Amino acid sequence: MDAEKVYLSAKNKVGVVELSQFISKVIFKEYLECKMLIPYDQGKIVNYFNENAYVKSTSYHDDGTLLTIECRESDYRRYEQFVFIEEY
């Protein structure tokens, strides 16, 4: 596989994984992974991400709903105030 080509052989079963990775890379090039802590009174935002992002995990805390998501960069910027940065 180079920048724009994937070599595939169904007969030899070669390149299927590379093709899948390439398709994901192209389709989701504007997506990024992050965590967002959404206050309970902003439940519409949780619903929005459930419908428009890939929600990897959801957990509930005193401060709100913590989502680990892959979302569009534009959605990240739109809801950046909810980005959760873990303190070590």
PDB file of N, CA and C in Angstrom:
ATOM      1  N   MET A   1       0.852  -1.182   0.000  1.00  0.00           N
ATOM      2  CA  MET A   1       0.000   0.000   0.000  1.00  0.00           C
ATOM      3  C   MET A   1       0.890   1.235   0.000  1.00  0.00           C
ATOM      4  N   ASP A   2       0.629   2.170  -0.920  1.00  0.00           N
ATOM      5  CA  ASP A   2       1.287   3.465  -0.852  1.00  0.00           C
ATOM      6  C   ASP A   2       0.212   4.512  -0.589  1.00  0.00           C
ATOM      7  N   ALA A   3       0.515   5.771  -0.786  1.00  0.00           N
ATOM      8  CA  ALA A   3      -0.381   6.861  -0.384  1.00  0.00           C
ATOM      9  C   ALA A   3      -1.795   6.731  -0.952  1.00  0.00           C
ATOM     10  N   GLU A   4      -1.936   6.310  -2.195  1.00  0.00           N
ATOM     11  CA  GLU A   4      -3.249   6.272  -2.829  1.00  0.00           C
ATOM     12  C   GLU A   4      -3.620   4.910  -3.400  1.00  0.00           C
ATOM     13  N   LYS A   5      -2.798   3.883  -3.195  1.00  0.00           N
ATOM     14  CA  LYS A   5      -3.058   2.579  -3.796  1.00  0.00           C
ATOM     15  C   LYS A   5      -3.001   1.484  -2.743  1.00  0.00           C
ATOM     16  N   VAL A   6      -3.873   0.501  -2.945  1.00  0.00           N
ATOM     17  CA  VAL A   6      -3.863  -0.695  -2.116  1.00  0.00           C
ATOM     18  C   VAL A   6      -3.797  -1.883  -3.064  1.00  0.00           C
ATOM     19  N   TYR A   7      -2.847  -2.746  -2.851  1.00  0.00           N
ATOM     20  CA  TYR A   7      -2.712  -3.938  -3.677  1.00  0.00           C
ATOM     21  C   TYR A   7      -3.514  -5.065  -3.038  1.00  0.00           C
ATOM     22  N   LEU A   8      -4.394  -5.659  -3.831  1.00  0.00           N
ATOM     23  CA  LEU A   8      -5.360  -6.614  -3.318  1.00  0.00           C
ATOM     24  C   LEU A   8      -5.375  -7.854  -4.195  1.00  0.00           C
ATOM     25  N   SER A   9      -5.411  -9.013  -3.562  1.00  0.00           N
ATOM     26  CA  SER A   9      -5.551 -10.272  -4.281  1.00  0.00           C
ATOM     27  C   SER A   9      -6.543 -11.136  -3.522  1.00  0.00           C
ATOM     28  N   ALA A  10      -7.727 -11.310  -4.105  1.00  0.00           N
ATOM     29  CA  ALA A  10      -8.721 -12.176  -3.476  1.00  0.00           C
ATOM     30  C   ALA A  10      -8.245 -13.621  -3.510  1.00  0.00           C
ATOM     31  N   LYS A  11      -7.587 -13.999  -4.599  1.00  0.00           N
ATOM     32  CA  LYS A  11      -7.104 -15.370  -4.748  1.00  0.00           C
ATOM     33  C   LYS A  11      -6.092 -15.718  -3.656  1.00  0.00           C
ATOM     34  N   ASN A  12      -5.152 -14.800  -3.410  1.00  0.00           N
ATOM     35  CA  ASN A  12      -4.107 -15.047  -2.411  1.00  0.00           C
ATOM     36  C   ASN A  12      -4.456 -14.496  -1.030  1.00  0.00           C
ATOM     37  N   LYS A  13      -5.637 -13.893  -0.925  1.00  0.00           N
ATOM     38  CA  LYS A  13      -6.109 -13.318   0.345  1.00  0.00           C
ATOM     39  C   LYS A  13      -5.106 -12.322   0.912  1.00  0.00           C
ATOM     40  N   VAL A  14      -4.681 -11.403   0.059  1.00  0.00           N
ATOM     41  CA  VAL A  14      -3.696 -10.397   0.430  1.00  0.00           C
ATOM     42  C   VAL A  14      -4.319  -9.014   0.252  1.00  0.00           C
ATOM     43  N   GLY A  15      -4.118  -8.145   1.225  1.00  0.00           N
ATOM     44  CA  GLY A  15      -4.510  -6.756   1.088  1.00  0.00           C
ATOM     45  C   GLY A  15      -5.866  -6.376   1.645  1.00  0.00           C
ATOM     46  N   VAL A  16      -6.619  -7.332   2.140  1.00  0.00           N
ATOM     47  CA  VAL A  16      -7.956  -7.020   2.653  1.00  0.00           C
ATOM     48  C   VAL A  16      -7.873  -6.114   3.881  1.00  0.00           C
ATOM     49  N   VAL A  17      -6.976  -6.433   4.794  1.00  0.00           N
ATOM     50  CA  VAL A  17      -6.811  -5.610   6.000  1.00  0.00           C
ATOM     51  C   VAL A  17      -6.346  -4.208   5.606  1.00  0.00           C
ATOM     52  N   GLU A  18      -5.393  -4.130   4.685  1.00  0.00           N
ATOM     53  CA  GLU A  18      -4.882  -2.835   4.234  1.00  0.00           C
ATOM     54  C   GLU A  18      -5.986  -2.008   3.571  1.00  0.00           C
ATOM     55  N   LEU A  19      -6.829  -2.674   2.776  1.00  0.00           N
ATOM     56  CA  LEU A  19      -7.944  -1.978   2.134  1.00  0.00           C
ATOM     57  C   LEU A  19      -8.903  -1.421   3.171  1.00  0.00           C
ATOM     58  N   SER A  20      -9.219  -2.210   4.176  1.00  0.00           N
ATOM     59  CA  SER A  20     -10.109  -1.763   5.246  1.00  0.00           C
ATOM     60  C   SER A  20      -9.521  -0.562   5.988  1.00  0.00           C
ATOM     61  N   GLN A  21      -8.226  -0.621   6.284  1.00  0.00           N
ATOM     62  CA  GLN A  21      -7.562   0.491   6.972  1.00  0.00           C
ATOM     63  C   GLN A  21      -7.559   1.747   6.109  1.00  0.00           C
ATOM     64  N   PHE A  22      -7.313   1.573   4.815  1.00  0.00           N
ATOM     65  CA  PHE A  22      -7.286   2.712   3.907  1.00  0.00           C
ATOM     66  C   PHE A  22      -8.658   3.370   3.810  1.00  0.00           C
ATOM     67  N   ILE A  23      -9.700   2.564   3.694  1.00  0.00           N
ATOM     68  CA  ILE A  23     -11.062   3.099   3.615  1.00  0.00           C
ATOM     69  C   ILE A  23     -11.395   3.872   4.889  1.00  0.00           C
ATOM     70  N   SER A  24     -11.071   3.303   6.047  1.00  0.00           N
ATOM     71  CA  SER A  24     -11.329   3.992   7.315  1.00  0.00           C
ATOM     72  C   SER A  24     -10.571   5.309   7.395  1.00  0.00           C
ATOM     73  N   LYS A  25      -9.328   5.289   6.950  1.00  0.00           N
ATOM     74  CA  LYS A  25      -8.504   6.499   6.983  1.00  0.00           C
ATOM     75  C   LYS A  25      -9.103   7.600   6.115  1.00  0.00           C
ATOM     76  N   VAL A  26      -9.598   7.237   4.948  1.00  0.00           N
ATOM     77  CA  VAL A  26     -10.182   8.219   4.029  1.00  0.00           C
ATOM     78  C   VAL A  26     -11.520   8.730   4.557  1.00  0.00           C
ATOM     79  N   ILE A  27     -12.360   7.823   4.991  1.00  0.00           N
ATOM     80  CA  ILE A  27     -13.702   8.207   5.448  1.00  0.00           C
ATOM     81  C   ILE A  27     -13.642   9.026   6.735  1.00  0.00           C
ATOM     82  N   PHE A  28     -12.760   8.637   7.646  1.00  0.00           N
ATOM     83  CA  PHE A  28     -12.727   9.264   8.962  1.00  0.00           C
ATOM     84  C   PHE A  28     -11.537  10.203   9.148  1.00  0.00           C
ATOM     85  N   LYS A  29     -11.047  10.778   8.061  1.00  0.00           N
ATOM     86  CA  LYS A  29      -9.856  11.624   8.159  1.00  0.00           C
ATOM     87  C   LYS A  29     -10.079  12.874   8.998  1.00  0.00           C
ATOM     88  N   GLU A  30     -11.303  13.324   9.108  1.00  0.00           N
ATOM     89  CA  GLU A  30     -11.590  14.521   9.891  1.00  0.00           C
ATOM     90  C   GLU A  30     -12.125  14.186  11.278  1.00  0.00           C
ATOM     91  N   TYR A  31     -11.930  12.957  11.723  1.00  0.00           N
ATOM     92  CA  TYR A  31     -12.402  12.534  13.034  1.00  0.00           C
ATOM     93  C   TYR A  31     -11.233  12.477  14.015  1.00  0.00           C
ATOM     94  N   LEU A  32     -11.547  12.727  15.273  1.00  0.00           N
ATOM     95  CA  LEU A  32     -10.536  12.608  16.313  1.00  0.00           C
ATOM     96  C   LEU A  32     -11.168  12.012  17.555  1.00  0.00           C
ATOM     97  N   GLU A  33     -10.325  11.436  18.390  1.00  0.00           N
ATOM     98  CA  GLU A  33     -10.803  10.802  19.610  1.00  0.00           C
ATOM     99  C   GLU A  33     -10.614  11.745  20.785  1.00  0.00           C
ATOM    100  N   CYS A  34     -11.611  11.803  21.655  1.00  0.00           N
ATOM    101  CA  CYS A  34     -11.519  12.656  22.836  1.00  0.00           C
ATOM    102  C   CYS A  34     -12.493  12.161  23.899  1.00  0.00           C
ATOM    103  N   LYS A  35     -12.386  12.778  25.065  1.00  0.00           N
ATOM    104  CA  LYS A  35     -13.339  12.545  26.146  1.00  0.00           C
ATOM    105  C   LYS A  35     -14.039  13.860  26.429  1.00  0.00           C
ATOM    106  N   MET A  36     -15.343  13.786  26.639  1.00  0.00           N
ATOM    107  CA  MET A  36     -16.111  14.983  26.982  1.00  0.00           C
ATOM    108  C   MET A  36     -16.977  14.679  28.190  1.00  0.00           C
ATOM    109  N   LEU A  37     -16.975  15.621  29.120  1.00  0.00           N
ATOM    110  CA  LEU A  37     -17.823  15.524  30.305  1.00  0.00           C
ATOM    111  C   LEU A  37     -18.983  16.481  30.102  1.00  0.00           C
ATOM    112  N   ILE A  38     -20.145  15.919  29.835  1.00  0.00           N
ATOM    113  CA  ILE A  38     -21.335  16.710  29.517  1.00  0.00           C
ATOM    114  C   ILE A  38     -22.208  16.815  30.764  1.00  0.00           C
ATOM    115  N   PRO A  39     -22.485  18.042  31.238  1.00  0.00           N
ATOM    116  CA  PRO A  39     -23.360  18.207  32.409  1.00  0.00           C
ATOM    117  C   PRO A  39     -24.739  17.581  32.148  1.00  0.00           C
ATOM    118  N   TYR A  40     -25.343  17.082  33.198  1.00  0.00           N
ATOM    119  CA  TYR A  40     -26.634  16.413  33.057  1.00  0.00           C
ATOM    120  C   TYR A  40     -27.703  17.317  32.459  1.00  0.00           C
ATOM    121  N   ASP A  41     -27.610  18.624  32.693  1.00  0.00           N
ATOM    122  CA  ASP A  41     -28.626  19.522  32.130  1.00  0.00           C
ATOM    123  C   ASP A  41     -28.395  19.809  30.639  1.00  0.00           C
ATOM    124  N   GLN A  42     -27.355  19.204  30.058  1.00  0.00           N
ATOM    125  CA  GLN A  42     -27.064  19.351  28.629  1.00  0.00           C
ATOM    126  C   GLN A  42     -27.254  18.008  27.916  1.00  0.00           C
ATOM    127  N   GLY A  43     -28.267  17.272  28.311  1.00  0.00           N
ATOM    128  CA  GLY A  43     -28.519  15.941  27.769  1.00  0.00           C
ATOM    129  C   GLY A  43     -28.681  15.908  26.257  1.00  0.00           C
ATOM    130  N   LYS A  44     -29.102  17.014  25.667  1.00  0.00           N
ATOM    131  CA  LYS A  44     -29.248  17.059  24.205  1.00  0.00           C
ATOM    132  C   LYS A  44     -27.908  16.852  23.511  1.00  0.00           C
ATOM    133  N   ILE A  45     -26.833  17.277  24.147  1.00  0.00           N
ATOM    134  CA  ILE A  45     -25.495  17.103  23.557  1.00  0.00           C
ATOM    135  C   ILE A  45     -25.103  15.626  23.589  1.00  0.00           C
ATOM    136  N   VAL A  46     -25.421  14.941  24.673  1.00  0.00           N
ATOM    137  CA  VAL A  46     -25.159  13.500  24.753  1.00  0.00           C
ATOM    138  C   VAL A  46     -25.931  12.789  23.641  1.00  0.00           C
ATOM    139  N   ASN A  47     -27.191  13.154  23.469  1.00  0.00           N
ATOM    140  CA  ASN A  47     -27.992  12.567  22.394  1.00  0.00           C
ATOM    141  C   ASN A  47     -27.384  12.853  21.034  1.00  0.00           C
ATOM    142  N   TYR A  48     -26.894  14.075  20.850  1.00  0.00           N
ATOM    143  CA  TYR A  48     -26.279  14.447  19.576  1.00  0.00           C
ATOM    144  C   TYR A  48     -25.089  13.542  19.269  1.00  0.00           C
ATOM    145  N   PHE A  49     -24.217  13.347  20.254  1.00  0.00           N
ATOM    146  CA  PHE A  49     -23.050  12.499  20.027  1.00  0.00           C
ATOM    147  C   PHE A  49     -23.442  11.035  19.833  1.00  0.00           C
ATOM    148  N   ASN A  50     -24.453  10.584  20.519  1.00  0.00           N
ATOM    149  CA  ASN A  50     -24.916   9.208  20.320  1.00  0.00           C
ATOM    150  C   ASN A  50     -25.393   8.986  18.884  1.00  0.00           C
ATOM    151  N   GLU A  51     -25.909  10.020  18.256  1.00  0.00           N
ATOM    152  CA  GLU A  51     -26.422   9.906  16.898  1.00  0.00           C
ATOM    153  C   GLU A  51     -25.393  10.280  15.829  1.00  0.00           C
ATOM    154  N   ASN A  52     -24.384  11.092  16.170  1.00  0.00           N
ATOM    155  CA  ASN A  52     -23.494  11.648  15.154  1.00  0.00           C
ATOM    156  C   ASN A  52     -22.017  11.373  15.360  1.00  0.00           C
ATOM    157  N   ALA A  53     -21.685  10.528  16.304  1.00  0.00           N
ATOM    158  CA  ALA A  53     -20.283  10.196  16.574  1.00  0.00           C
ATOM    159  C   ALA A  53     -20.210   8.715  16.935  1.00  0.00           C
ATOM    160  N   TYR A  54     -18.999   8.224  17.018  1.00  0.00           N
ATOM    161  CA  TYR A  54     -18.801   6.857  17.488  1.00  0.00           C
ATOM    162  C   TYR A  54     -18.498   6.945  18.982  1.00  0.00           C
ATOM    163  N   VAL A  55     -19.448   6.527  19.799  1.00  0.00           N
ATOM    164  CA  VAL A  55     -19.300   6.572  21.254  1.00  0.00           C
ATOM    165  C   VAL A  55     -18.646   5.262  21.693  1.00  0.00           C
ATOM    166  N   LYS A  56     -17.407   5.371  22.166  1.00  0.00           N
ATOM    167  CA  LYS A  56     -16.662   4.190  22.591  1.00  0.00           C
ATOM    168  C   LYS A  56     -17.068   3.759  23.998  1.00  0.00           C
ATOM    169  N   SER A  57     -17.345   4.738  24.862  1.00  0.00           N
ATOM    170  CA  SER A  57     -17.784   4.397  26.213  1.00  0.00           C
ATOM    171  C   SER A  57     -18.564   5.558  26.812  1.00  0.00           C
ATOM    172  N   THR A  58     -19.418   5.205  27.747  1.00  0.00           N
ATOM    173  CA  THR A  58     -20.233   6.176  28.479  1.00  0.00           C
ATOM    174  C   THR A  58     -20.176   5.806  29.953  1.00  0.00           C
ATOM    175  N   SER A  59     -19.903   6.797  30.791  1.00  0.00           N
ATOM    176  CA  SER A  59     -19.951   6.562  32.236  1.00  0.00           C
ATOM    177  C   SER A  59     -20.578   7.779  32.899  1.00  0.00           C
ATOM    178  N   TYR A  60     -21.117   7.549  34.073  1.00  0.00           N
ATOM    179  CA  TYR A  60     -21.874   8.587  34.774  1.00  0.00           C
ATOM    180  C   TYR A  60     -21.154   8.977  36.050  1.00  0.00           C
ATOM    181  N   HIS A  61     -20.989  10.290  36.235  1.00  0.00           N
ATOM    182  CA  HIS A  61     -20.250  10.833  37.369  1.00  0.00           C
ATOM    183  C   HIS A  61     -21.070  11.925  38.022  1.00  0.00           C
ATOM    184  N   ASP A  62     -20.592  12.423  39.151  1.00  0.00           N
ATOM    185  CA  ASP A  62     -21.313  13.476  39.863  1.00  0.00           C
ATOM    186  C   ASP A  62     -21.505  14.721  39.003  1.00  0.00           C
ATOM    187  N   ASP A  63     -20.515  15.018  38.154  1.00  0.00           N
ATOM    188  CA  ASP A  63     -20.555  16.244  37.349  1.00  0.00           C
ATOM    189  C   ASP A  63     -21.285  16.098  36.026  1.00  0.00           C
ATOM    190  N   GLY A  64     -21.563  14.870  35.599  1.00  0.00           N
ATOM    191  CA  GLY A  64     -22.236  14.683  34.325  1.00  0.00           C
ATOM    192  C   GLY A  64     -21.878  13.364  33.672  1.00  0.00           C
ATOM    193  N   THR A  65     -22.175  13.262  32.391  1.00  0.00           N
ATOM    194  CA  THR A  65     -21.928  12.062  31.601  1.00  0.00           C
ATOM    195  C   THR A  65     -20.580  12.193  30.907  1.00  0.00           C
ATOM    196  N   LEU A  66     -19.711  11.209  31.131  1.00  0.00           N
ATOM    197  CA  LEU A  66     -18.396  11.203  30.506  1.00  0.00           C
ATOM    198  C   LEU A  66     -18.441  10.292  29.286  1.00  0.00           C
ATOM    199  N   LEU A  67     -18.199  10.887  28.122  1.00  0.00           N
ATOM    200  CA  LEU A  67     -18.190  10.149  26.865  1.00  0.00           C
ATOM    201  C   LEU A  67     -16.769  10.052  26.337  1.00  0.00           C
ATOM    202  N   THR A  68     -16.388   8.879  25.894  1.00  0.00           N
ATOM    203  CA  THR A  68     -15.172   8.707  25.106  1.00  0.00           C
ATOM    204  C   THR A  68     -15.665   8.495  23.691  1.00  0.00           C
ATOM    205  N   ILE A  69     -15.291   9.414  22.806  1.00  0.00           N
ATOM    206  CA  ILE A  69     -15.883   9.423  21.471  1.00  0.00           C
ATOM    207  C   ILE A  69     -14.856   9.642  20.372  1.00  0.00           C
ATOM    208  N   GLU A  70     -15.246   9.271  19.168  1.00  0.00           N
ATOM    209  CA  GLU A  70     -14.577   9.696  17.952  1.00  0.00           C
ATOM    210  C   GLU A  70     -15.596  10.571  17.228  1.00  0.00           C
ATOM    211  N   CYS A  71     -15.248  11.835  17.070  1.00  0.00           N
ATOM    212  CA  CYS A  71     -16.191  12.784  16.477  1.00  0.00           C
ATOM    213  C   CYS A  71     -15.499  13.613  15.396  1.00  0.00           C
ATOM    214  N   ARG A  72     -16.319  14.277  14.611  1.00  0.00           N
ATOM    215  CA  ARG A  72     -15.783  15.184  13.597  1.00  0.00           C
ATOM    216  C   ARG A  72     -15.053  16.328  14.287  1.00  0.00           C
ATOM    217  N   GLU A  73     -14.023  16.805  13.631  1.00  0.00           N
ATOM    218  CA  GLU A  73     -13.251  17.923  14.171  1.00  0.00           C
ATOM    219  C   GLU A  73     -14.139  19.139  14.402  1.00  0.00           C
ATOM    220  N   SER A  74     -15.101  19.350  13.524  1.00  0.00           N
ATOM    221  CA  SER A  74     -16.008  20.491  13.675  1.00  0.00           C
ATOM    222  C   SER A  74     -16.867  20.366  14.934  1.00  0.00           C
ATOM    223  N   ASP A  75     -17.303  19.137  15.263  1.00  0.00           N
ATOM    224  CA  ASP A  75     -18.061  18.931  16.501  1.00  0.00           C
ATOM    225  C   ASP A  75     -17.169  19.115  17.721  1.00  0.00           C
ATOM    226  N   TYR A  76     -15.922  18.674  17.609  1.00  0.00           N
ATOM    227  CA  TYR A  76     -14.971  18.884  18.703  1.00  0.00           C
ATOM    228  C   TYR A  76     -14.836  20.369  19.002  1.00  0.00           C
ATOM    229  N   ARG A  77     -14.638  21.161  17.971  1.00  0.00           N
ATOM    230  CA  ARG A  77     -14.488  22.612  18.178  1.00  0.00           C
ATOM    231  C   ARG A  77     -15.776  23.227  18.722  1.00  0.00           C
ATOM    232  N   ARG A  78     -16.909  22.753  18.237  1.00  0.00           N
ATOM    233  CA  ARG A  78     -18.201  23.298  18.676  1.00  0.00           C
ATOM    234  C   ARG A  78     -18.438  23.054  20.171  1.00  0.00           C
ATOM    235  N   TYR A  79     -18.023  21.882  20.660  1.00  0.00           N
ATOM    236  CA  TYR A  79     -18.269  21.511  22.055  1.00  0.00           C
ATOM    237  C   TYR A  79     -16.989  21.437  22.875  1.00  0.00           C
ATOM    238  N   GLU A  80     -15.993  22.180  22.464  1.00  0.00           N
ATOM    239  CA  GLU A  80     -14.674  22.122  23.101  1.00  0.00           C
ATOM    240  C   GLU A  80     -14.704  22.439  24.596  1.00  0.00           C
ATOM    241  N   GLN A  81     -15.672  23.224  25.041  1.00  0.00           N
ATOM    242  CA  GLN A  81     -15.734  23.576  26.457  1.00  0.00           C
ATOM    243  C   GLN A  81     -16.020  22.370  27.346  1.00  0.00           C
ATOM    244  N   PHE A  82     -16.476  21.258  26.751  1.00  0.00           N
ATOM    245  CA  PHE A  82     -16.774  20.060  27.522  1.00  0.00           C
ATOM    246  C   PHE A  82     -15.652  19.027  27.476  1.00  0.00           C
ATOM    247  N   VAL A  83     -14.568  19.318  26.764  1.00  0.00           N
ATOM    248  CA  VAL A  83     -13.467  18.359  26.669  1.00  0.00           C
ATOM    249  C   VAL A  83     -12.919  18.083  28.055  1.00  0.00           C
ATOM    250  N   PHE A  84     -12.764  16.815  28.344  1.00  0.00           N
ATOM    251  CA  PHE A  84     -12.312  16.351  29.651  1.00  0.00           C
ATOM    252  C   PHE A  84     -10.838  15.994  29.534  1.00  0.00           C
ATOM    253  N   ILE A  85     -10.022  16.656  30.328  1.00  0.00           N
ATOM    254  CA  ILE A  85      -8.594  16.375  30.363  1.00  0.00           C
ATOM    255  C   ILE A  85      -8.298  15.755  31.724  1.00  0.00           C
ATOM    256  N   GLU A  86      -7.825  14.523  31.678  1.00  0.00           N
ATOM    257  CA  GLU A  86      -7.543  13.806  32.922  1.00  0.00           C
ATOM    258  C   GLU A  86      -6.340  14.406  33.611  1.00  0.00           C
ATOM    259  N   GLU A  87      -6.437  14.553  34.901  1.00  0.00           N
ATOM    260  CA  GLU A  87      -5.328  15.069  35.698  1.00  0.00           C
ATOM    261  C   GLU A  87      -4.598  13.879  36.296  1.00  0.00           C
ATOM    262  N   TYR A  88      -3.280  13.924  36.228  1.00  0.00           N
ATOM    263  CA  TYR A  88      -2.477  12.824  36.745  1.00  0.00           C
ATOM    264  C   TYR A  88      -1.884  13.173  38.073  1.00  0.00           C
TER     265      TYR A  88
END
